[in-house]
Amino acid sequence: LIEFNRYINKLGKNSLVIDAGANLGEISNFFLEKKFIVHAFEPDPIAIKNFNKSALKNNNLILNQSAIGIKNENQLLYRYRKFDENNPNSTEGSSMLANRAGKGKPHSEIKVINFIEYIQTLKKNVSMIKMDIEGKEIEIINELIDKGLHEKIGFIFVETHERFSHKLAIETCKLKLRIKKNN
């Protein structure tokens, strides 16, 4: 968190930042208050309905009602065990990973966009990506590195979710080793 704040404070006005896993828009709004251009991604219809109202009024926000992935498709968004339809804050933790589904909790079909293609279409380099996408981050970061797109991104801050499964823990370790090896 300290490094995150330090980096944000170095960014200039109109820096392009991406909030992947924007949820209710608190971080997006924080970025907008810093006068950044924000591309936010949030697939959850309940979170979108309750997205930060002041953020929505800002012309520097592009809100994409979709998840990010490595291909364009529709997928299921599974609700976490603490999900309560009457509490928008409980949408945090919903995931495209089926093993995250809470017993008896609903799921929704959502749109997923190819994040690699999205980054490639941007006319401006990305100053920063904040990524909290509940277990799908590893494949996206690997693909960004494979395509050399990480070199056009100032910094990527990721919440990893290796605690979700043994397989995801192994993939996260492999990615960390790859990053360290390639400096």
C-alpha atoms as a PDB file:
ATOM      1  CA  LEU A   1       0.000   0.000   0.000  1.00  0.00           C
ATOM      2  CA  ILE A   2       2.872   2.385   0.749  1.00  0.00           C
ATOM      3  CA  GLU A   3       4.451   1.767  -2.653  1.00  0.00           C
ATOM      4  CA  PHE A   4       1.028   2.121  -4.306  1.00  0.00           C
ATOM      5  CA  ASN A   5       0.455   5.540  -2.713  1.00  0.00           C
ATOM      6  CA  ARG A   6       4.012   6.681  -3.417  1.00  0.00           C
ATOM      7  CA  TYR A   7       3.646   5.792  -7.099  1.00  0.00           C
ATOM      8  CA  ILE A   8       0.231   7.446  -7.431  1.00  0.00           C
ATOM      9  CA  ASN A   9       1.582  10.659  -5.935  1.00  0.00           C
ATOM     10  CA  LYS A  10       4.270  10.761  -8.654  1.00  0.00           C
ATOM     11  CA  LEU A  11       1.749  10.541 -11.499  1.00  0.00           C
ATOM     12  CA  GLY A  12       0.792  13.713 -13.300  1.00  0.00           C
ATOM     13  CA  LYS A  13      -2.615  15.075 -14.159  1.00  0.00           C
ATOM     14  CA  ASN A  14      -4.228  13.211 -17.098  1.00  0.00           C
ATOM     15  CA  SER A  15      -2.200  10.052 -16.506  1.00  0.00           C
ATOM     16  CA  LEU A  16      -4.040   7.044 -17.914  1.00  0.00           C
ATOM     17  CA  VAL A  17      -4.812   4.489 -15.201  1.00  0.00           C
ATOM     18  CA  ILE A  18      -6.846   1.295 -15.337  1.00  0.00           C
ATOM     19  CA  ASP A  19      -8.966   0.033 -12.461  1.00  0.00           C
ATOM     20  CA  ALA A  20      -9.598  -3.646 -13.244  1.00  0.00           C
ATOM     21  CA  GLY A  21     -12.060  -5.010 -10.733  1.00  0.00           C
ATOM     22  CA  ALA A  22     -13.481  -1.594  -9.905  1.00  0.00           C
ATOM     23  CA  ASN A  23     -16.387  -2.962  -7.842  1.00  0.00           C
ATOM     24  CA  LEU A  24     -18.338   0.031  -6.460  1.00  0.00           C
ATOM     25  CA  GLY A  25     -15.851   2.594  -7.773  1.00  0.00           C
ATOM     26  CA  GLU A  26     -14.081   3.801  -4.639  1.00  0.00           C
ATOM     27  CA  ILE A  27     -10.591   3.440  -6.139  1.00  0.00           C
ATOM     28  CA  SER A  28     -11.768   4.823  -9.487  1.00  0.00           C
ATOM     29  CA  ASN A  29     -13.122   7.868  -7.682  1.00  0.00           C
ATOM     30  CA  PHE A  30      -9.831   8.280  -5.801  1.00  0.00           C
ATOM     31  CA  PHE A  31      -8.001   8.228  -9.155  1.00  0.00           C
ATOM     32  CA  LEU A  32     -10.432  10.765 -10.597  1.00  0.00           C
ATOM     33  CA  GLU A  33      -9.857  13.093  -7.653  1.00  0.00           C
ATOM     34  CA  LYS A  34      -6.165  12.974  -8.632  1.00  0.00           C
ATOM     35  CA  LYS A  35      -7.241  14.183 -12.116  1.00  0.00           C
ATOM     36  CA  PHE A  36      -6.275  10.924 -13.844  1.00  0.00           C
ATOM     37  CA  ILE A  37      -8.014   9.496 -16.899  1.00  0.00           C
ATOM     38  CA  VAL A  38      -9.598   6.283 -15.615  1.00  0.00           C
ATOM     39  CA  HIS A  39     -10.628   3.198 -17.553  1.00  0.00           C
ATOM     40  CA  ALA A  40     -12.577   1.085 -15.072  1.00  0.00           C
ATOM     41  CA  PHE A  41     -13.724  -2.507 -15.567  1.00  0.00           C
ATOM     42  CA  GLU A  42     -16.465  -4.076 -13.490  1.00  0.00           C
ATOM     43  CA  PRO A  43     -18.666  -6.947 -14.690  1.00  0.00           C
ATOM     44  CA  ASP A  44     -21.056  -7.257 -11.765  1.00  0.00           C
ATOM     45  CA  PRO A  45     -24.473  -5.737 -12.584  1.00  0.00           C
ATOM     46  CA  ILE A  46     -25.190  -5.057  -8.895  1.00  0.00           C
ATOM     47  CA  ALA A  47     -21.846  -3.288  -8.425  1.00  0.00           C
ATOM     48  CA  ILE A  48     -22.395  -1.267 -11.611  1.00  0.00           C
ATOM     49  CA  LYS A  49     -25.867  -0.233 -10.427  1.00  0.00           C
ATOM     50  CA  ASN A  50     -24.292   1.014  -7.189  1.00  0.00           C
ATOM     51  CA  PHE A  51     -21.102   2.427  -8.729  1.00  0.00           C
ATOM     52  CA  ASN A  52     -19.827   5.577  -7.039  1.00  0.00           C
ATOM     53  CA  LYS A  53     -22.159   8.358  -8.207  1.00  0.00           C
ATOM     54  CA  SER A  54     -19.527  11.125  -8.091  1.00  0.00           C
ATOM     55  CA  ALA A  55     -17.190   8.997 -10.239  1.00  0.00           C
ATOM     56  CA  LEU A  56     -19.930   8.489 -12.825  1.00  0.00           C
ATOM     57  CA  LYS A  57     -20.323  12.247 -13.204  1.00  0.00           C
ATOM     58  CA  ASN A  58     -16.665  12.691 -14.130  1.00  0.00           C
ATOM     59  CA  ASN A  59     -15.787  13.060 -17.819  1.00  0.00           C
ATOM     60  CA  ASN A  60     -12.401  11.400 -17.221  1.00  0.00           C
ATOM     61  CA  LEU A  61     -14.072   8.043 -16.477  1.00  0.00           C
ATOM     62  CA  ILE A  62     -14.638   5.310 -19.025  1.00  0.00           C
ATOM     63  CA  LEU A  63     -16.638   2.595 -17.268  1.00  0.00           C
ATOM     64  CA  ASN A  64     -16.643  -0.789 -18.995  1.00  0.00           C
ATOM     65  CA  GLN A  65     -19.312  -3.172 -17.739  1.00  0.00           C
ATOM     66  CA  SER A  66     -17.186  -6.218 -18.363  1.00  0.00           C
ATOM     67  CA  ALA A  67     -14.546  -8.413 -16.844  1.00  0.00           C
ATOM     68  CA  ILE A  68     -11.094  -8.611 -18.376  1.00  0.00           C
ATOM     69  CA  GLY A  69      -9.577 -11.796 -19.748  1.00  0.00           C
ATOM     70  CA  ILE A  70      -7.449 -13.057 -22.609  1.00  0.00           C
ATOM     71  CA  LYS A  71     -10.343 -13.548 -25.038  1.00  0.00           C
ATOM     72  CA  ASN A  72     -13.762 -12.085 -25.788  1.00  0.00           C
ATOM     73  CA  GLU A  73     -16.478 -14.314 -24.375  1.00  0.00           C
ATOM     74  CA  ASN A  74     -19.308 -14.658 -21.924  1.00  0.00           C
ATOM     75  CA  GLN A  75     -18.651 -16.397 -18.617  1.00  0.00           C
ATOM     76  CA  LEU A  76     -20.390 -16.964 -15.331  1.00  0.00           C
ATOM     77  CA  LEU A  77     -19.708 -14.733 -12.364  1.00  0.00           C
ATOM     78  CA  TYR A  78     -20.055 -16.749  -9.168  1.00  0.00           C
ATOM     79  CA  ARG A  79     -21.162 -15.132  -5.940  1.00  0.00           C
ATOM     80  CA  TYR A  80     -18.976 -15.473  -2.887  1.00  0.00           C
ATOM     81  CA  ARG A  81     -20.369 -17.152   0.235  1.00  0.00           C
ATOM     82  CA  LYS A  82     -20.874 -13.764   1.961  1.00  0.00           C
ATOM     83  CA  PHE A  83     -22.968 -12.384  -0.920  1.00  0.00           C
ATOM     84  CA  ASP A  84     -26.204 -10.640   0.047  1.00  0.00           C
ATOM     85  CA  GLU A  85     -28.264  -9.150  -2.775  1.00  0.00           C
ATOM     86  CA  ASN A  86     -29.370  -6.309  -0.464  1.00  0.00           C
ATOM     87  CA  ASN A  87     -25.785  -5.305   0.334  1.00  0.00           C
ATOM     88  CA  PRO A  88     -23.860  -3.976  -2.713  1.00  0.00           C
ATOM     89  CA  ASN A  89     -20.590  -4.171  -0.742  1.00  0.00           C
ATOM     90  CA  SER A  90     -20.967  -7.955  -0.700  1.00  0.00           C
ATOM     91  CA  THR A  91     -20.347  -8.111  -4.463  1.00  0.00           C
ATOM     92  CA  GLU A  92     -16.654  -7.887  -3.563  1.00  0.00           C
ATOM     93  CA  GLY A  93     -15.249 -11.380  -3.844  1.00  0.00           C
ATOM     94  CA  SER A  94     -17.455 -12.537  -6.715  1.00  0.00           C
ATOM     95  CA  SER A  95     -15.305 -14.446  -9.178  1.00  0.00           C
ATOM     96  CA  MET A  96     -15.263 -16.263 -12.513  1.00  0.00           C
ATOM     97  CA  LEU A  97     -13.717 -19.224 -10.679  1.00  0.00           C
ATOM     98  CA  ALA A  98     -16.412 -21.827 -10.040  1.00  0.00           C
ATOM     99  CA  ASN A  99     -14.738 -22.992  -6.823  1.00  0.00           C
ATOM    100  CA  ARG A 100     -15.475 -19.558  -5.342  1.00  0.00           C
ATOM    101  CA  ALA A 101     -19.249 -20.071  -5.582  1.00  0.00           C
ATOM    102  CA  GLY A 102     -21.034 -19.879  -2.282  1.00  0.00           C
ATOM    103  CA  LYS A 103     -23.434 -22.743  -1.601  1.00  0.00           C
ATOM    104  CA  GLY A 104     -26.900 -21.716  -2.760  1.00  0.00           C
ATOM    105  CA  LYS A 105     -25.672 -18.345  -4.040  1.00  0.00           C
ATOM    106  CA  PRO A 106     -26.780 -17.133  -7.480  1.00  0.00           C
ATOM    107  CA  HIS A 107     -24.511 -16.537 -10.457  1.00  0.00           C
ATOM    108  CA  SER A 108     -24.745 -14.160 -13.416  1.00  0.00           C
ATOM    109  CA  GLU A 109     -23.625 -14.365 -17.003  1.00  0.00           C
ATOM    110  CA  ILE A 110     -21.163 -11.566 -17.735  1.00  0.00           C
ATOM    111  CA  LYS A 111     -19.209 -10.201 -20.660  1.00  0.00           C
ATOM    112  CA  VAL A 112     -15.428 -10.692 -20.720  1.00  0.00           C
ATOM    113  CA  ILE A 113     -13.269  -8.604 -23.042  1.00  0.00           C
ATOM    114  CA  ASN A 114      -9.833  -9.418 -24.387  1.00  0.00           C
ATOM    115  CA  PHE A 115      -7.705  -7.117 -22.236  1.00  0.00           C
ATOM    116  CA  ILE A 116      -4.636  -7.588 -24.437  1.00  0.00           C
ATOM    117  CA  GLU A 117      -6.514  -6.259 -27.475  1.00  0.00           C
ATOM    118  CA  TYR A 118      -7.902  -3.420 -25.349  1.00  0.00           C
ATOM    119  CA  ILE A 119      -4.412  -2.336 -24.251  1.00  0.00           C
ATOM    120  CA  GLN A 120      -3.166  -2.566 -27.854  1.00  0.00           C
ATOM    121  CA  THR A 121      -5.891  -0.157 -29.046  1.00  0.00           C
ATOM    122  CA  LEU A 122      -5.034   2.568 -26.541  1.00  0.00           C
ATOM    123  CA  LYS A 123      -3.385   5.581 -28.126  1.00  0.00           C
ATOM    124  CA  LYS A 124      -1.668   6.520 -24.898  1.00  0.00           C
ATOM    125  CA  ASN A 125       0.653   4.484 -22.668  1.00  0.00           C
ATOM    126  CA  VAL A 126      -0.871   3.255 -19.439  1.00  0.00           C
ATOM    127  CA  SER A 127       0.690   4.844 -16.355  1.00  0.00           C
ATOM    128  CA  MET A 128      -0.711   2.261 -13.984  1.00  0.00           C
ATOM    129  CA  ILE A 129      -2.996  -0.745 -13.695  1.00  0.00           C
ATOM    130  CA  LYS A 130      -4.670  -1.688 -10.428  1.00  0.00           C
ATOM    131  CA  MET A 131      -5.886  -5.269 -10.839  1.00  0.00           C
ATOM    132  CA  ASP A 132      -8.090  -7.094  -8.345  1.00  0.00           C
ATOM    133  CA  ILE A 133     -10.005  -9.628 -10.403  1.00  0.00           C
ATOM    134  CA  GLU A 134     -10.455 -12.513  -7.997  1.00  0.00           C
ATOM    135  CA  GLY A 135      -8.203 -15.198  -9.400  1.00  0.00           C
ATOM    136  CA  LYS A 136      -7.965 -14.429 -13.134  1.00  0.00           C
ATOM    137  CA  GLU A 137      -4.968 -12.087 -12.934  1.00  0.00           C
ATOM    138  CA  ILE A 138      -2.148 -14.559 -13.580  1.00  0.00           C
ATOM    139  CA  GLU A 139      -3.143 -15.519 -17.130  1.00  0.00           C
ATOM    140  CA  ILE A 140      -3.606 -11.858 -18.082  1.00  0.00           C
ATOM    141  CA  ILE A 141      -0.247 -10.737 -16.702  1.00  0.00           C
ATOM    142  CA  ASN A 142       1.512 -13.654 -18.402  1.00  0.00           C
ATOM    143  CA  GLU A 143      -0.095 -12.652 -21.701  1.00  0.00           C
ATOM    144  CA  LEU A 144       0.876  -8.982 -21.211  1.00  0.00           C
ATOM    145  CA  ILE A 145       4.489 -10.115 -20.736  1.00  0.00           C
ATOM    146  CA  ASP A 146       4.319 -12.561 -23.673  1.00  0.00           C
ATOM    147  CA  LYS A 147       3.193  -9.722 -25.963  1.00  0.00           C
ATOM    148  CA  GLY A 148       5.714  -7.218 -24.527  1.00  0.00           C
ATOM    149  CA  LEU A 149       2.880  -4.918 -23.469  1.00  0.00           C
ATOM    150  CA  HIS A 150       4.178  -4.675 -19.893  1.00  0.00           C
ATOM    151  CA  GLU A 151       6.840  -2.330 -21.296  1.00  0.00           C
ATOM    152  CA  LYS A 152       4.097   0.190 -22.199  1.00  0.00           C
ATOM    153  CA  ILE A 153       2.704   0.156 -18.660  1.00  0.00           C
ATOM    154  CA  GLY A 154       4.332   2.223 -15.932  1.00  0.00           C
ATOM    155  CA  PHE A 155       3.365  -0.016 -13.024  1.00  0.00           C
ATOM    156  CA  ILE A 156       0.996  -2.912 -12.377  1.00  0.00           C
ATOM    157  CA  PHE A 157      -0.369  -3.381  -8.858  1.00  0.00           C
ATOM    158  CA  VAL A 158      -2.072  -6.750  -8.445  1.00  0.00           C
ATOM    159  CA  GLU A 159      -3.881  -8.456  -5.641  1.00  0.00           C
ATOM    160  CA  THR A 160      -3.057 -12.113  -6.200  1.00  0.00           C
ATOM    161  CA  HIS A 161      -5.371 -14.871  -5.065  1.00  0.00           C
ATOM    162  CA  GLU A 162      -3.154 -17.905  -4.694  1.00  0.00           C
ATOM    163  CA  ARG A 163      -5.071 -18.851  -1.559  1.00  0.00           C
ATOM    164  CA  PHE A 164      -8.024 -19.847  -3.769  1.00  0.00           C
ATOM    165  CA  SER A 165      -6.474 -23.091  -5.014  1.00  0.00           C
ATOM    166  CA  HIS A 166      -3.302 -25.136  -5.174  1.00  0.00           C
ATOM    167  CA  LYS A 167      -3.182 -24.728  -8.976  1.00  0.00           C
ATOM    168  CA  LEU A 168      -3.495 -20.944  -8.713  1.00  0.00           C
ATOM    169  CA  ALA A 169      -0.772 -20.895  -6.041  1.00  0.00           C
ATOM    170  CA  ILE A 170       1.598 -22.745  -8.367  1.00  0.00           C
ATOM    171  CA  GLU A 171       0.781 -20.435 -11.298  1.00  0.00           C
ATOM    172  CA  THR A 172       1.311 -17.378  -9.078  1.00  0.00           C
ATOM    173  CA  CYS A 173       4.711 -18.684  -7.937  1.00  0.00           C
ATOM    174  CA  LYS A 174       5.718 -19.358 -11.544  1.00  0.00           C
ATOM    175  CA  LEU A 175       4.746 -15.809 -12.529  1.00  0.00           C
ATOM    176  CA  LYS A 176       6.673 -14.298  -9.610  1.00  0.00           C
ATOM    177  CA  LEU A 177       9.750 -16.305 -10.624  1.00  0.00           C
ATOM    178  CA  ARG A 178       9.325 -15.211 -14.249  1.00  0.00           C
ATOM    179  CA  ILE A 179       9.138 -11.560 -13.237  1.00  0.00           C
ATOM    180  CA  LYS A 180      12.158 -11.846 -10.985  1.00  0.00           C
ATOM    181  CA  LYS A 181      14.189 -13.725 -13.636  1.00  0.00           C
ATOM    182  CA  ASN A 182      13.387 -11.117 -16.288  1.00  0.00           C
ATOM    183  CA  ASN A 183      13.946  -8.247 -13.886  1.00  0.00           C
END
